[in-house]
Amino acid sequence: MLVLKPSILASGVGVFTTAAIARGAHVRLWQNEDSRFVTDAEAEADPEIREARDVHCVVVEGGYVCPLDFHRMSVGWYMNHSSRPNIASSDALGWEFYATRDIAAGEELLCDYGGLSPLETVPPDYK
């Protein structure tokens, strides 16, 4: 099971596992149909998206992939970045993740933001 708790690496919350995860295991972070594409213009016109896009959206060509509903987001939207992630994406858009090593119960799940999209940039202050 995955839970949200205060992150030990970043300000705010992070995604933690309550049970050990074996290397190579699929990690289910998203609900089906939990995301949507919005164009740059739509993002600029929508105050909710404009405010949240830098935190909860993935930059893609022509716009962003954002949560379908910012009030009911899957835990995957809360993952924090690490240059030494313990999970990685196995598909081009970054929605299917697997454990890159054995992960102990209680550990925070971390991904490399740069791997989510070829257009995504990692802020320099992230670990």
N, C-alpha and C. Protein backbone atom coordinates (compact mmCIF):
# COMPACT_ATOMS: atom_id res chain seq x y z
N MET A 1 0.84 -1.17 0.00
CA MET A 1 0.00 0.00 0.00
C MET A 1 0.90 1.24 0.00
N LEU A 2 0.44 2.28 -0.68
CA LEU A 2 1.17 3.53 -0.75
C LEU A 2 0.41 4.59 0.04
N VAL A 3 1.16 5.43 0.77
CA VAL A 3 0.56 6.48 1.58
C VAL A 3 1.31 7.78 1.37
N LEU A 4 0.63 8.87 1.66
CA LEU A 4 1.25 10.19 1.62
C LEU A 4 1.66 10.58 3.03
N LYS A 5 2.91 11.05 3.15
CA LYS A 5 3.44 11.50 4.44
C LYS A 5 4.40 12.65 4.18
N PRO A 6 4.78 13.39 5.23
CA PRO A 6 5.78 14.43 5.02
C PRO A 6 7.06 13.83 4.44
N SER A 7 7.58 14.47 3.41
CA SER A 7 8.79 13.99 2.75
C SER A 7 10.01 14.29 3.61
N ILE A 8 10.98 13.38 3.55
CA ILE A 8 12.24 13.61 4.25
C ILE A 8 13.25 14.31 3.35
N LEU A 9 12.98 14.35 2.04
CA LEU A 9 13.92 14.93 1.08
C LEU A 9 13.49 16.26 0.50
N ALA A 10 12.21 16.54 0.54
CA ALA A 10 11.69 17.76 -0.07
C ALA A 10 10.66 18.37 0.86
N SER A 11 10.37 19.64 0.65
CA SER A 11 9.31 20.24 1.44
C SER A 11 7.98 19.69 0.95
N GLY A 12 7.04 19.56 1.83
CA GLY A 12 5.73 19.03 1.46
C GLY A 12 5.66 17.54 1.69
N VAL A 13 4.79 16.90 0.91
CA VAL A 13 4.54 15.47 1.09
C VAL A 13 5.29 14.64 0.07
N GLY A 14 5.34 13.34 0.34
CA GLY A 14 5.93 12.38 -0.57
C GLY A 14 5.12 11.10 -0.52
N VAL A 15 5.46 10.19 -1.41
CA VAL A 15 4.79 8.89 -1.49
C VAL A 15 5.67 7.85 -0.81
N PHE A 16 5.09 7.12 0.13
CA PHE A 16 5.82 6.10 0.89
C PHE A 16 5.12 4.76 0.75
N THR A 17 5.89 3.69 0.82
CA THR A 17 5.33 2.35 0.78
C THR A 17 5.23 1.80 2.20
N THR A 18 4.17 1.07 2.47
CA THR A 18 4.00 0.46 3.79
C THR A 18 4.50 -0.98 3.80
N ALA A 19 4.86 -1.50 2.63
CA ALA A 19 5.37 -2.87 2.51
C ALA A 19 6.58 -2.87 1.58
N ALA A 20 7.44 -3.83 1.76
CA ALA A 20 8.62 -3.94 0.90
C ALA A 20 8.19 -4.16 -0.55
N ILE A 21 8.98 -3.62 -1.46
CA ILE A 21 8.74 -3.79 -2.90
C ILE A 21 10.01 -4.40 -3.49
N ALA A 22 9.86 -5.50 -4.20
CA ALA A 22 11.01 -6.18 -4.80
C ALA A 22 11.48 -5.46 -6.06
N ARG A 23 12.77 -5.50 -6.31
CA ARG A 23 13.35 -4.93 -7.53
C ARG A 23 12.60 -5.49 -8.74
N GLY A 24 12.23 -4.60 -9.66
CA GLY A 24 11.54 -5.00 -10.88
C GLY A 24 10.03 -5.05 -10.76
N ALA A 25 9.50 -4.96 -9.55
CA ALA A 25 8.05 -5.04 -9.36
C ALA A 25 7.37 -3.77 -9.89
N HIS A 26 6.19 -3.97 -10.48
CA HIS A 26 5.37 -2.84 -10.92
C HIS A 26 4.87 -2.10 -9.69
N VAL A 27 4.91 -0.78 -9.72
CA VAL A 27 4.43 0.05 -8.63
C VAL A 27 3.24 0.85 -9.17
N ARG A 28 2.06 0.55 -8.65
CA ARG A 28 0.84 1.19 -9.17
C ARG A 28 0.63 2.54 -8.48
N LEU A 29 0.88 3.60 -9.21
CA LEU A 29 0.81 4.95 -8.68
C LEU A 29 -0.37 5.76 -9.20
N TRP A 30 -1.01 5.27 -10.25
CA TRP A 30 -2.03 6.06 -10.94
C TRP A 30 -3.34 5.29 -11.03
N GLN A 31 -4.44 6.01 -10.97
CA GLN A 31 -5.76 5.46 -11.28
C GLN A 31 -5.96 5.62 -12.79
N ASN A 32 -6.75 4.73 -13.36
CA ASN A 32 -7.05 4.85 -14.79
C ASN A 32 -7.70 6.21 -15.06
N GLU A 33 -7.35 6.79 -16.17
CA GLU A 33 -7.91 8.05 -16.63
C GLU A 33 -7.77 9.16 -15.58
N ASP A 34 -6.61 9.23 -14.93
CA ASP A 34 -6.36 10.23 -13.90
C ASP A 34 -5.68 11.48 -14.44
N SER A 35 -5.45 11.53 -15.73
CA SER A 35 -4.73 12.67 -16.27
C SER A 35 -5.41 13.18 -17.53
N ARG A 36 -5.01 14.37 -17.90
CA ARG A 36 -5.56 15.00 -19.11
C ARG A 36 -4.49 15.88 -19.73
N PHE A 37 -4.59 16.07 -21.03
CA PHE A 37 -3.69 16.97 -21.74
C PHE A 37 -4.36 18.34 -21.82
N VAL A 38 -3.60 19.39 -21.53
CA VAL A 38 -4.08 20.75 -21.73
C VAL A 38 -3.03 21.50 -22.53
N THR A 39 -3.50 22.30 -23.46
CA THR A 39 -2.58 23.08 -24.28
C THR A 39 -1.99 24.21 -23.44
N ASP A 40 -0.93 24.82 -23.96
CA ASP A 40 -0.34 25.98 -23.30
C ASP A 40 -1.39 27.07 -23.09
N ALA A 41 -2.19 27.32 -24.12
CA ALA A 41 -3.21 28.37 -24.04
C ALA A 41 -4.27 28.02 -22.99
N GLU A 42 -4.71 26.76 -22.95
CA GLU A 42 -5.69 26.35 -21.93
C GLU A 42 -5.13 26.50 -20.53
N ALA A 43 -3.87 26.12 -20.36
CA ALA A 43 -3.24 26.24 -19.05
C ALA A 43 -3.15 27.70 -18.62
N GLU A 44 -2.82 28.57 -19.55
CA GLU A 44 -2.71 29.99 -19.22
C GLU A 44 -4.07 30.59 -18.89
N ALA A 45 -5.13 30.11 -19.54
CA ALA A 45 -6.47 30.66 -19.33
C ALA A 45 -7.15 30.13 -18.07
N ASP A 46 -6.72 28.99 -17.55
CA ASP A 46 -7.36 28.37 -16.39
C ASP A 46 -6.56 28.69 -15.13
N PRO A 47 -7.10 29.49 -14.21
CA PRO A 47 -6.33 29.88 -13.02
C PRO A 47 -5.86 28.69 -12.18
N GLU A 48 -6.68 27.65 -12.07
CA GLU A 48 -6.30 26.48 -11.29
C GLU A 48 -5.08 25.77 -11.90
N ILE A 49 -5.11 25.58 -13.21
CA ILE A 49 -3.99 24.94 -13.89
C ILE A 49 -2.77 25.84 -13.87
N ARG A 50 -2.97 27.12 -14.13
CA ARG A 50 -1.85 28.07 -14.13
C ARG A 50 -1.12 28.05 -12.79
N GLU A 51 -1.87 27.96 -11.70
CA GLU A 51 -1.26 27.95 -10.36
C GLU A 51 -0.54 26.63 -10.06
N ALA A 52 -1.07 25.52 -10.57
CA ALA A 52 -0.54 24.20 -10.21
C ALA A 52 0.37 23.57 -11.25
N ARG A 53 0.47 24.13 -12.43
CA ARG A 53 1.18 23.44 -13.52
C ARG A 53 2.65 23.17 -13.23
N ASP A 54 3.32 24.06 -12.53
CA ASP A 54 4.74 23.84 -12.26
C ASP A 54 4.98 22.80 -11.17
N VAL A 55 3.97 22.47 -10.40
CA VAL A 55 4.10 21.50 -9.32
C VAL A 55 3.49 20.16 -9.69
N HIS A 56 2.34 20.17 -10.33
CA HIS A 56 1.59 18.93 -10.54
C HIS A 56 1.33 18.60 -12.01
N CYS A 57 2.08 19.15 -12.93
CA CYS A 57 1.88 18.83 -14.34
C CYS A 57 3.22 18.45 -14.97
N VAL A 58 3.14 17.65 -16.02
CA VAL A 58 4.32 17.23 -16.76
C VAL A 58 4.33 17.99 -18.08
N VAL A 59 5.45 18.62 -18.38
CA VAL A 59 5.59 19.39 -19.61
C VAL A 59 5.72 18.43 -20.78
N VAL A 60 4.88 18.60 -21.79
CA VAL A 60 4.97 17.82 -23.03
C VAL A 60 4.86 18.81 -24.19
N GLU A 61 5.14 18.33 -25.38
CA GLU A 61 5.08 19.20 -26.54
C GLU A 61 3.68 19.79 -26.68
N GLY A 62 3.60 21.11 -26.73
CA GLY A 62 2.32 21.80 -26.93
C GLY A 62 1.52 22.05 -25.68
N GLY A 63 2.00 21.60 -24.52
CA GLY A 63 1.23 21.84 -23.31
C GLY A 63 1.70 21.03 -22.12
N TYR A 64 0.72 20.50 -21.40
CA TYR A 64 0.98 19.80 -20.15
C TYR A 64 0.07 18.59 -20.01
N VAL A 65 0.56 17.58 -19.29
CA VAL A 65 -0.30 16.51 -18.81
C VAL A 65 -0.53 16.82 -17.34
N CYS A 66 -1.79 16.97 -16.97
CA CYS A 66 -2.16 17.40 -15.63
C CYS A 66 -3.14 16.40 -15.02
N PRO A 67 -3.30 16.45 -13.69
CA PRO A 67 -4.34 15.63 -13.07
C PRO A 67 -5.71 15.98 -13.64
N LEU A 68 -6.55 14.99 -13.76
CA LEU A 68 -7.92 15.22 -14.24
C LEU A 68 -8.65 16.14 -13.27
N ASP A 69 -8.45 15.92 -12.00
CA ASP A 69 -9.10 16.72 -10.95
C ASP A 69 -8.06 17.01 -9.88
N PHE A 70 -7.70 18.25 -9.69
CA PHE A 70 -6.67 18.62 -8.71
C PHE A 70 -7.11 18.35 -7.27
N HIS A 71 -8.38 18.04 -7.06
CA HIS A 71 -8.88 17.76 -5.72
C HIS A 71 -8.95 16.26 -5.42
N ARG A 72 -8.66 15.43 -6.41
CA ARG A 72 -8.70 13.97 -6.24
C ARG A 72 -7.60 13.34 -7.08
N MET A 73 -6.36 13.56 -6.69
CA MET A 73 -5.22 13.11 -7.48
C MET A 73 -4.69 11.78 -6.97
N SER A 74 -4.26 10.93 -7.87
CA SER A 74 -3.58 9.70 -7.51
C SER A 74 -2.28 10.04 -6.80
N VAL A 75 -1.78 9.09 -6.00
CA VAL A 75 -0.56 9.35 -5.23
C VAL A 75 0.65 9.63 -6.12
N GLY A 76 0.65 9.12 -7.34
CA GLY A 76 1.78 9.34 -8.24
C GLY A 76 2.09 10.80 -8.48
N TRP A 77 1.09 11.65 -8.41
CA TRP A 77 1.30 13.08 -8.62
C TRP A 77 2.13 13.69 -7.50
N TYR A 78 2.29 12.99 -6.39
CA TYR A 78 3.01 13.52 -5.23
C TYR A 78 4.45 13.01 -5.13
N MET A 79 4.91 12.24 -6.10
CA MET A 79 6.29 11.74 -6.04
C MET A 79 7.28 12.89 -6.10
N ASN A 80 8.37 12.71 -5.38
CA ASN A 80 9.45 13.69 -5.39
C ASN A 80 10.59 13.20 -6.26
N HIS A 81 11.42 14.16 -6.66
CA HIS A 81 12.56 13.90 -7.54
C HIS A 81 13.80 13.47 -6.77
N SER A 82 14.56 12.60 -7.38
CA SER A 82 15.89 12.27 -6.88
C SER A 82 16.77 11.93 -8.07
N SER A 83 18.04 12.31 -7.97
CA SER A 83 18.98 11.90 -9.01
C SER A 83 19.38 10.44 -8.82
N ARG A 84 18.98 9.85 -7.68
CA ARG A 84 19.19 8.43 -7.41
C ARG A 84 17.83 7.80 -7.07
N PRO A 85 16.93 7.71 -8.08
CA PRO A 85 15.57 7.24 -7.81
C PRO A 85 15.52 5.75 -7.47
N ASN A 86 14.47 5.36 -6.75
CA ASN A 86 14.27 3.94 -6.48
C ASN A 86 13.13 3.36 -7.33
N ILE A 87 12.48 4.21 -8.12
CA ILE A 87 11.53 3.74 -9.11
C ILE A 87 11.79 4.48 -10.41
N ALA A 88 11.42 3.85 -11.52
CA ALA A 88 11.63 4.46 -12.83
C ALA A 88 10.46 4.13 -13.73
N SER A 89 10.27 4.95 -14.74
CA SER A 89 9.20 4.75 -15.70
C SER A 89 9.61 3.71 -16.73
N SER A 90 8.64 2.91 -17.12
CA SER A 90 8.91 1.91 -18.14
C SER A 90 8.21 2.23 -19.46
N ASP A 91 7.60 3.41 -19.55
CA ASP A 91 6.94 3.79 -20.80
C ASP A 91 7.28 5.24 -21.13
N ALA A 92 7.01 5.64 -22.34
CA ALA A 92 7.43 6.94 -22.85
C ALA A 92 6.79 8.11 -22.10
N LEU A 93 5.57 7.98 -21.63
CA LEU A 93 4.92 9.09 -20.94
C LEU A 93 5.10 9.05 -19.43
N GLY A 94 5.73 8.03 -18.89
CA GLY A 94 6.02 8.01 -17.48
C GLY A 94 4.87 7.62 -16.58
N TRP A 95 3.95 6.80 -17.04
CA TRP A 95 2.80 6.43 -16.20
C TRP A 95 2.93 5.03 -15.60
N GLU A 96 3.81 4.21 -16.10
CA GLU A 96 4.04 2.87 -15.56
C GLU A 96 5.41 2.86 -14.89
N PHE A 97 5.46 2.53 -13.61
CA PHE A 97 6.70 2.54 -12.87
C PHE A 97 7.03 1.17 -12.31
N TYR A 98 8.32 0.93 -12.14
CA TYR A 98 8.81 -0.31 -11.54
C TYR A 98 9.92 0.05 -10.56
N ALA A 99 10.18 -0.84 -9.62
CA ALA A 99 11.24 -0.62 -8.64
C ALA A 99 12.60 -0.88 -9.28
N THR A 100 13.52 0.04 -9.14
CA THR A 100 14.86 -0.12 -9.71
C THR A 100 15.78 -0.90 -8.77
N ARG A 101 15.33 -1.08 -7.53
CA ARG A 101 16.07 -1.86 -6.53
C ARG A 101 15.05 -2.32 -5.49
N ASP A 102 15.45 -3.18 -4.59
CA ASP A 102 14.57 -3.55 -3.49
C ASP A 102 14.30 -2.30 -2.66
N ILE A 103 13.04 -2.09 -2.31
CA ILE A 103 12.63 -0.92 -1.53
C ILE A 103 12.04 -1.43 -0.22
N ALA A 104 12.54 -0.91 0.88
CA ALA A 104 12.09 -1.35 2.20
C ALA A 104 10.77 -0.68 2.58
N ALA A 105 9.98 -1.35 3.39
CA ALA A 105 8.76 -0.76 3.92
C ALA A 105 9.11 0.54 4.63
N GLY A 106 8.32 1.57 4.41
CA GLY A 106 8.55 2.86 5.03
C GLY A 106 9.37 3.82 4.21
N GLU A 107 9.96 3.36 3.10
CA GLU A 107 10.79 4.23 2.25
C GLU A 107 9.93 5.13 1.38
N GLU A 108 10.45 6.31 1.11
CA GLU A 108 9.80 7.21 0.17
C GLU A 108 10.12 6.75 -1.25
N LEU A 109 9.11 6.77 -2.13
CA LEU A 109 9.32 6.44 -3.53
C LEU A 109 9.76 7.70 -4.26
N LEU A 110 10.87 7.61 -4.98
CA LEU A 110 11.46 8.75 -5.66
C LEU A 110 11.69 8.42 -7.12
N CYS A 111 11.42 9.38 -7.99
CA CYS A 111 11.64 9.20 -9.41
C CYS A 111 12.54 10.32 -9.93
N ASP A 112 13.07 10.13 -11.12
CA ASP A 112 13.86 11.16 -11.79
C ASP A 112 12.91 11.96 -12.67
N TYR A 113 12.63 13.20 -12.29
CA TYR A 113 11.70 14.03 -13.07
C TYR A 113 12.13 14.15 -14.52
N GLY A 114 13.42 14.15 -14.78
CA GLY A 114 13.91 14.26 -16.14
C GLY A 114 13.48 13.10 -17.02
N GLY A 115 13.11 11.98 -16.41
CA GLY A 115 12.66 10.81 -17.16
C GLY A 115 11.18 10.81 -17.47
N LEU A 116 10.43 11.78 -16.94
CA LEU A 116 8.99 11.81 -17.17
C LEU A 116 8.62 12.31 -18.55
N SER A 117 9.41 13.20 -19.07
CA SER A 117 9.14 13.78 -20.38
C SER A 117 10.44 14.31 -20.95
N PRO A 118 10.65 14.17 -22.25
CA PRO A 118 11.88 14.73 -22.83
C PRO A 118 11.93 16.24 -22.70
N LEU A 119 10.79 16.88 -22.43
CA LEU A 119 10.75 18.33 -22.30
C LEU A 119 10.80 18.79 -20.85
N GLU A 120 10.67 17.85 -19.92
CA GLU A 120 10.64 18.20 -18.49
C GLU A 120 12.03 18.62 -18.04
N THR A 121 12.08 19.64 -17.24
CA THR A 121 13.34 20.08 -16.67
C THR A 121 13.27 19.92 -15.16
N VAL A 122 14.37 19.58 -14.56
CA VAL A 122 14.44 19.41 -13.12
C VAL A 122 14.95 20.70 -12.51
N PRO A 123 14.19 21.28 -11.58
CA PRO A 123 14.68 22.51 -10.95
C PRO A 123 16.03 22.26 -10.28
N PRO A 124 16.95 23.22 -10.31
CA PRO A 124 18.30 23.00 -9.80
C PRO A 124 18.35 22.76 -8.30
N ASP A 125 17.32 23.17 -7.54
CA ASP A 125 17.36 23.01 -6.10
C ASP A 125 16.85 21.64 -5.63
N TYR A 126 16.42 20.80 -6.56
CA TYR A 126 15.97 19.46 -6.19
C TYR A 126 17.18 18.56 -5.97
N LYS A 127 17.07 17.62 -5.06
CA LYS A 127 18.15 16.68 -4.76
C LYS A 127 18.21 15.59 -5.81
